[in-house]
């Protein structure tokens, strides 16, 4: 149920964004996806480093 609400809020945000700034191009979408993947890669790497050192990374900054 919560995921459905999140998707609906995202749809509303996209509709607003496109009404203000125009449709997102394929190039912009590809750039955003590459950035998202890089963020996820960095996050996973931070988690691996924290686990190997015995320190749990925090959501706010990656460590104590």
PDB file of N, CA and C in Angstrom:
ATOM      1  N   UNK A   1       0.818  -1.185   0.000  1.00  0.00           N
ATOM      2  CA  UNK A   1       0.000   0.000   0.000  1.00  0.00           C
ATOM      3  C   UNK A   1       0.873   1.265   0.000  1.00  0.00           C
ATOM      4  N   UNK A   2       1.909   1.240   0.851  1.00  0.00           N
ATOM      5  CA  UNK A   2       2.799   2.399   0.925  1.00  0.00           C
ATOM      6  C   UNK A   2       3.532   2.619  -0.397  1.00  0.00           C
ATOM      7  N   UNK A   3       3.970   1.538  -1.028  1.00  0.00           N
ATOM      8  CA  UNK A   3       4.652   1.664  -2.319  1.00  0.00           C
ATOM      9  C   UNK A   3       3.731   2.283  -3.368  1.00  0.00           C
ATOM     10  N   UNK A   4       2.474   1.909  -3.323  1.00  0.00           N
ATOM     11  CA  UNK A   4       1.502   2.473  -4.264  1.00  0.00           C
ATOM     12  C   UNK A   4       1.373   3.979  -4.054  1.00  0.00           C
ATOM     13  N   UNK A   5       1.324   4.407  -2.796  1.00  0.00           N
ATOM     14  CA  UNK A   5       1.259   5.847  -2.507  1.00  0.00           C
ATOM     15  C   UNK A   5       2.521   6.558  -2.982  1.00  0.00           C
ATOM     16  N   UNK A   6       3.672   5.923  -2.782  1.00  0.00           N
ATOM     17  CA  UNK A   6       4.937   6.509  -3.242  1.00  0.00           C
ATOM     18  C   UNK A   6       4.947   6.677  -4.757  1.00  0.00           C
ATOM     19  N   UNK A   7       4.476   5.652  -5.466  1.00  0.00           N
ATOM     20  CA  UNK A   7       4.417   5.734  -6.936  1.00  0.00           C
ATOM     21  C   UNK A   7       3.493   6.852  -7.391  1.00  0.00           C
ATOM     22  N   UNK A   8       2.360   6.988  -6.716  1.00  0.00           N
ATOM     23  CA  UNK A   8       1.412   8.047  -7.078  1.00  0.00           C
ATOM     24  C   UNK A   8       2.024   9.424  -6.832  1.00  0.00           C
ATOM     25  N   UNK A   9       2.711   9.594  -5.711  1.00  0.00           N
ATOM     26  CA  UNK A   9       3.378  10.876  -5.433  1.00  0.00           C
ATOM     27  C   UNK A   9       4.451  11.152  -6.477  1.00  0.00           C
ATOM     28  N   UNK A  10       5.179  10.125  -6.882  1.00  0.00           N
ATOM     29  CA  UNK A  10       6.199  10.293  -7.911  1.00  0.00           C
ATOM     30  C   UNK A  10       5.564  10.695  -9.235  1.00  0.00           C
ATOM     31  N   UNK A  11       4.465  10.036  -9.608  1.00  0.00           N
ATOM     32  CA  UNK A  11       3.758  10.405 -10.844  1.00  0.00           C
ATOM     33  C   UNK A  11       3.329  11.864 -10.810  1.00  0.00           C
ATOM     34  N   UNK A  12       2.781  12.291  -9.671  1.00  0.00           N
ATOM     35  CA  UNK A  12       2.353  13.688  -9.536  1.00  0.00           C
ATOM     36  C   UNK A  12       3.532  14.636  -9.676  1.00  0.00           C
ATOM     37  N   UNK A  13       4.660  14.275  -9.092  1.00  0.00           N
ATOM     38  CA  UNK A  13       5.860  15.115  -9.196  1.00  0.00           C
ATOM     39  C   UNK A  13       6.339  15.202 -10.644  1.00  0.00           C
ATOM     40  N   UNK A  14       6.305  14.092 -11.360  1.00  0.00           N
ATOM     41  CA  UNK A  14       6.740  14.081 -12.759  1.00  0.00           C
ATOM     42  C   UNK A  14       5.811  14.951 -13.597  1.00  0.00           C
ATOM     43  N   UNK A  15       4.512  14.836 -13.385  1.00  0.00           N
ATOM     44  CA  UNK A  15       3.549  15.650 -14.131  1.00  0.00           C
ATOM     45  C   UNK A  15       3.820  17.129 -13.878  1.00  0.00           C
ATOM     46  N   UNK A  16       4.035  17.491 -12.610  1.00  0.00           N
ATOM     47  CA  UNK A  16       4.328  18.894 -12.294  1.00  0.00           C
ATOM     48  C   UNK A  16       5.622  19.333 -12.956  1.00  0.00           C
ATOM     49  N   UNK A  17       6.679  18.518 -12.815  1.00  0.00           N
ATOM     50  CA  UNK A  17       7.990  18.870 -13.368  1.00  0.00           C
ATOM     51  C   UNK A  17       7.881  19.104 -14.872  1.00  0.00           C
ATOM     52  N   UNK A  18       7.221  18.181 -15.570  1.00  0.00           N
ATOM     53  CA  UNK A  18       7.094  18.311 -17.019  1.00  0.00           C
ATOM     54  C   UNK A  18       6.242  19.512 -17.400  1.00  0.00           C
ATOM     55  N   UNK A  19       5.249  19.868 -16.589  1.00  0.00           N
ATOM     56  CA  UNK A  19       4.440  21.049 -16.909  1.00  0.00           C
ATOM     57  C   UNK A  19       5.260  22.322 -16.731  1.00  0.00           C
ATOM     58  N   UNK A  20       6.219  22.305 -15.820  1.00  0.00           N
ATOM     59  CA  UNK A  20       7.062  23.477 -15.575  1.00  0.00           C
ATOM     60  C   UNK A  20       8.244  23.566 -16.540  1.00  0.00           C
ATOM     61  N   UNK A  21       8.875  22.423 -16.831  1.00  0.00           N
ATOM     62  CA  UNK A  21      10.156  22.432 -17.543  1.00  0.00           C
ATOM     63  C   UNK A  21      10.162  21.666 -18.866  1.00  0.00           C
ATOM     64  N   UNK A  22       9.060  21.056 -19.215  1.00  0.00           N
ATOM     65  CA  UNK A  22       9.017  20.270 -20.450  1.00  0.00           C
ATOM     66  C   UNK A  22       9.359  18.814 -20.184  1.00  0.00           C
ATOM     67  N   UNK A  23       9.140  18.005 -21.203  1.00  0.00           N
ATOM     68  CA  UNK A  23       9.386  16.567 -21.077  1.00  0.00           C
ATOM     69  C   UNK A  23      10.868  16.281 -20.915  1.00  0.00           C
ATOM     70  N   UNK A  24      11.162  15.214 -20.213  1.00  0.00           N
ATOM     71  CA  UNK A  24      12.534  14.780 -19.994  1.00  0.00           C
ATOM     72  C   UNK A  24      13.010  14.063 -21.253  1.00  0.00           C
ATOM     73  N   UNK A  25      14.191  14.443 -21.723  1.00  0.00           N
ATOM     74  CA  UNK A  25      14.739  13.808 -22.921  1.00  0.00           C
ATOM     75  C   UNK A  25      15.370  12.467 -22.558  1.00  0.00           C
ATOM     76  N   UNK A  26      15.581  11.633 -23.568  1.00  0.00           N
ATOM     77  CA  UNK A  26      16.245  10.351 -23.352  1.00  0.00           C
ATOM     78  C   UNK A  26      17.648  10.562 -22.798  1.00  0.00           C
ATOM     79  N   UNK A  27      18.322  11.597 -23.267  1.00  0.00           N
ATOM     80  CA  UNK A  27      19.674  11.895 -22.785  1.00  0.00           C
ATOM     81  C   UNK A  27      19.653  12.247 -21.296  1.00  0.00           C
ATOM     82  N   UNK A  28      18.697  13.091 -20.894  1.00  0.00           N
ATOM     83  CA  UNK A  28      18.577  13.460 -19.478  1.00  0.00           C
ATOM     84  C   UNK A  28      18.250  12.239 -18.622  1.00  0.00           C
ATOM     85  N   UNK A  29      17.388  11.387 -19.136  1.00  0.00           N
ATOM     86  CA  UNK A  29      17.015  10.182 -18.411  1.00  0.00           C
ATOM     87  C   UNK A  29      18.231   9.266 -18.247  1.00  0.00           C
ATOM     88  N   UNK A  30      19.021   9.115 -19.302  1.00  0.00           N
ATOM     89  CA  UNK A  30      20.226   8.280 -19.237  1.00  0.00           C
ATOM     90  C   UNK A  30      21.233   8.857 -18.243  1.00  0.00           C
ATOM     91  N   UNK A  31      21.393  10.170 -18.227  1.00  0.00           N
ATOM     92  CA  UNK A  31      22.305  10.812 -17.274  1.00  0.00           C
ATOM     93  C   UNK A  31      21.845  10.577 -15.842  1.00  0.00           C
ATOM     94  N   UNK A  32      20.554  10.727 -15.601  1.00  0.00           N
ATOM     95  CA  UNK A  32      20.019  10.528 -14.258  1.00  0.00           C
ATOM     96  C   UNK A  32      20.191   9.076 -13.817  1.00  0.00           C
ATOM     97  N   UNK A  33      19.973   8.142 -14.709  1.00  0.00           N
ATOM     98  CA  UNK A  33      20.132   6.728 -14.379  1.00  0.00           C
ATOM     99  C   UNK A  33      21.593   6.411 -14.083  1.00  0.00           C
ATOM    100  N   UNK A  34      22.508   6.962 -14.847  1.00  0.00           N
ATOM    101  CA  UNK A  34      23.939   6.749 -14.593  1.00  0.00           C
ATOM    102  C   UNK A  34      24.323   7.317 -13.224  1.00  0.00           C
ATOM    103  N   UNK A  35      23.798   8.479 -12.897  1.00  0.00           N
ATOM    104  CA  UNK A  35      24.081   9.087 -11.594  1.00  0.00           C
ATOM    105  C   UNK A  35      23.514   8.237 -10.465  1.00  0.00           C
ATOM    106  N   UNK A  36      22.301   7.731 -10.637  1.00  0.00           N
ATOM    107  CA  UNK A  36      21.685   6.878  -9.624  1.00  0.00           C
ATOM    108  C   UNK A  36      22.514   5.616  -9.406  1.00  0.00           C
ATOM    109  N   UNK A  37      22.968   5.006 -10.490  1.00  0.00           N
ATOM    110  CA  UNK A  37      23.773   3.794 -10.379  1.00  0.00           C
ATOM    111  C   UNK A  37      25.100   4.075  -9.674  1.00  0.00           C
ATOM    112  N   UNK A  38      25.697   5.221  -9.953  1.00  0.00           N
ATOM    113  CA  UNK A  38      26.957   5.591  -9.295  1.00  0.00           C
ATOM    114  C   UNK A  38      26.737   5.794  -7.800  1.00  0.00           C
ATOM    115  N   UNK A  39      25.647   6.433  -7.423  1.00  0.00           N
ATOM    116  CA  UNK A  39      25.331   6.631  -6.005  1.00  0.00           C
ATOM    117  C   UNK A  39      25.143   5.281  -5.321  1.00  0.00           C
ATOM    118  N   UNK A  40      24.422   4.383  -5.956  1.00  0.00           N
ATOM    119  CA  UNK A  40      24.212   3.057  -5.377  1.00  0.00           C
ATOM    120  C   UNK A  40      25.528   2.295  -5.262  1.00  0.00           C
ATOM    121  N   UNK A  41      26.402   2.433  -6.266  1.00  0.00           N
ATOM    122  CA  UNK A  41      27.709   1.770  -6.223  1.00  0.00           C
ATOM    123  C   UNK A  41      28.529   2.291  -5.051  1.00  0.00           C
ATOM    124  N   UNK A  42      28.548   3.618  -4.869  1.00  0.00           N
ATOM    125  CA  UNK A  42      29.291   4.208  -3.759  1.00  0.00           C
ATOM    126  C   UNK A  42      28.727   3.751  -2.411  1.00  0.00           C
ATOM    127  N   UNK A  43      27.411   3.700  -2.321  1.00  0.00           N
ATOM    128  CA  UNK A  43      26.771   3.270  -1.086  1.00  0.00           C
ATOM    129  C   UNK A  43      27.158   1.827  -0.766  1.00  0.00           C
ATOM    130  N   UNK A  44      27.097   0.948  -1.749  1.00  0.00           N
ATOM    131  CA  UNK A  44      27.457  -0.452  -1.544  1.00  0.00           C
ATOM    132  C   UNK A  44      28.922  -0.576  -1.144  1.00  0.00           C
ATOM    133  N   UNK A  45      29.787   0.199  -1.757  1.00  0.00           N
ATOM    134  CA  UNK A  45      31.207   0.172  -1.413  1.00  0.00           C
ATOM    135  C   UNK A  45      31.418   0.639   0.021  1.00  0.00           C
ATOM    136  N   UNK A  46      30.723   1.698   0.419  1.00  0.00           N
ATOM    137  CA  UNK A  46      30.816   2.204   1.795  1.00  0.00           C
ATOM    138  C   UNK A  46      30.361   1.132   2.783  1.00  0.00           C
ATOM    139  N   UNK A  47      29.272   0.452   2.463  1.00  0.00           N
ATOM    140  CA  UNK A  47      28.771  -0.622   3.327  1.00  0.00           C
ATOM    141  C   UNK A  47      29.797  -1.744   3.433  1.00  0.00           C
ATOM    142  N   UNK A  48      30.407  -2.142   2.302  1.00  0.00           N
ATOM    143  CA  UNK A  48      31.412  -3.204   2.320  1.00  0.00           C
ATOM    144  C   UNK A  48      32.600  -2.811   3.193  1.00  0.00           C
ATOM    145  N   UNK A  49      33.068  -1.579   3.049  1.00  0.00           N
ATOM    146  CA  UNK A  49      34.206  -1.113   3.856  1.00  0.00           C
ATOM    147  C   UNK A  49      33.845  -1.101   5.332  1.00  0.00           C
ATOM    148  N   UNK A  50      32.642  -0.639   5.648  1.00  0.00           N
ATOM    149  CA  UNK A  50      32.211  -0.583   7.038  1.00  0.00           C
ATOM    150  C   UNK A  50      32.108  -1.978   7.634  1.00  0.00           C
ATOM    151  N   UNK A  51      31.561  -2.909   6.878  1.00  0.00           N
ATOM    152  CA  UNK A  51      31.426  -4.275   7.373  1.00  0.00           C
ATOM    153  C   UNK A  51      32.787  -4.921   7.588  1.00  0.00           C
ATOM    154  N   UNK A  52      33.724  -4.673   6.683  1.00  0.00           N
ATOM    155  CA  UNK A  52      35.041  -5.283   6.820  1.00  0.00           C
ATOM    156  C   UNK A  52      35.831  -4.678   7.974  1.00  0.00           C
ATOM    157  N   UNK A  53      35.520  -3.441   8.354  1.00  0.00           N
ATOM    158  CA  UNK A  53      36.221  -2.816   9.479  1.00  0.00           C
ATOM    159  C   UNK A  53      35.448  -2.975  10.782  1.00  0.00           C
ATOM    160  N   UNK A  54      34.273  -3.588  10.722  1.00  0.00           N
ATOM    161  CA  UNK A  54      33.485  -3.804  11.921  1.00  0.00           C
ATOM    162  C   UNK A  54      32.661  -2.613  12.351  1.00  0.00           C
ATOM    163  N   UNK A  55      32.552  -1.606  11.505  1.00  0.00           N
ATOM    164  CA  UNK A  55      31.779  -0.400  11.812  1.00  0.00           C
ATOM    165  C   UNK A  55      30.593  -0.352  10.872  1.00  0.00           C
ATOM    166  N   UNK A  56      29.415  -0.132  11.417  1.00  0.00           N
ATOM    167  CA  UNK A  56      28.213  -0.030  10.576  1.00  0.00           C
ATOM    168  C   UNK A  56      28.085   1.402  10.094  1.00  0.00           C
ATOM    169  N   UNK A  57      27.943   1.594   8.764  1.00  0.00           N
ATOM    170  CA  UNK A  57      27.748   2.923   8.181  1.00  0.00           C
ATOM    171  C   UNK A  57      26.386   3.454   8.564  1.00  0.00           C
ATOM    172  N   UNK A  58      26.310   4.760   8.826  1.00  0.00           N
ATOM    173  CA  UNK A  58      25.026   5.370   9.138  1.00  0.00           C
ATOM    174  C   UNK A  58      24.425   5.969   7.876  1.00  0.00           C
ATOM    175  N   UNK A  59      23.122   6.165   7.889  1.00  0.00           N
ATOM    176  CA  UNK A  59      22.443   6.736   6.728  1.00  0.00           C
ATOM    177  C   UNK A  59      22.903   8.162   6.471  1.00  0.00           C
ATOM    178  N   UNK A  60      23.291   8.874   7.501  1.00  0.00           N
ATOM    179  CA  UNK A  60      23.623  10.280   7.343  1.00  0.00           C
ATOM    180  C   UNK A  60      25.012  10.523   6.803  1.00  0.00           C
ATOM    181  N   UNK A  61      25.973   9.621   7.046  1.00  0.00           N
ATOM    182  CA  UNK A  61      27.286  10.002   6.598  1.00  0.00           C
ATOM    183  C   UNK A  61      28.304   8.904   6.461  1.00  0.00           C
ATOM    184  N   UNK A  62      27.954   7.679   6.751  1.00  0.00           N
ATOM    185  CA  UNK A  62      28.890   6.619   6.493  1.00  0.00           C
ATOM    186  C   UNK A  62      29.739   6.189   7.670  1.00  0.00           C
ATOM    187  N   UNK A  63      29.510   6.722   8.834  1.00  0.00           N
ATOM    188  CA  UNK A  63      30.281   6.240   9.967  1.00  0.00           C
ATOM    189  C   UNK A  63      30.161   7.160  11.149  1.00  0.00           C
ATOM    190  N   UNK A  64      30.813   6.759  12.246  1.00  0.00           N
ATOM    191  CA  UNK A  64      30.728   7.553  13.473  1.00  0.00           C
ATOM    192  C   UNK A  64      31.498   8.838  13.396  1.00  0.00           C
TER     193      UNK A  64
END
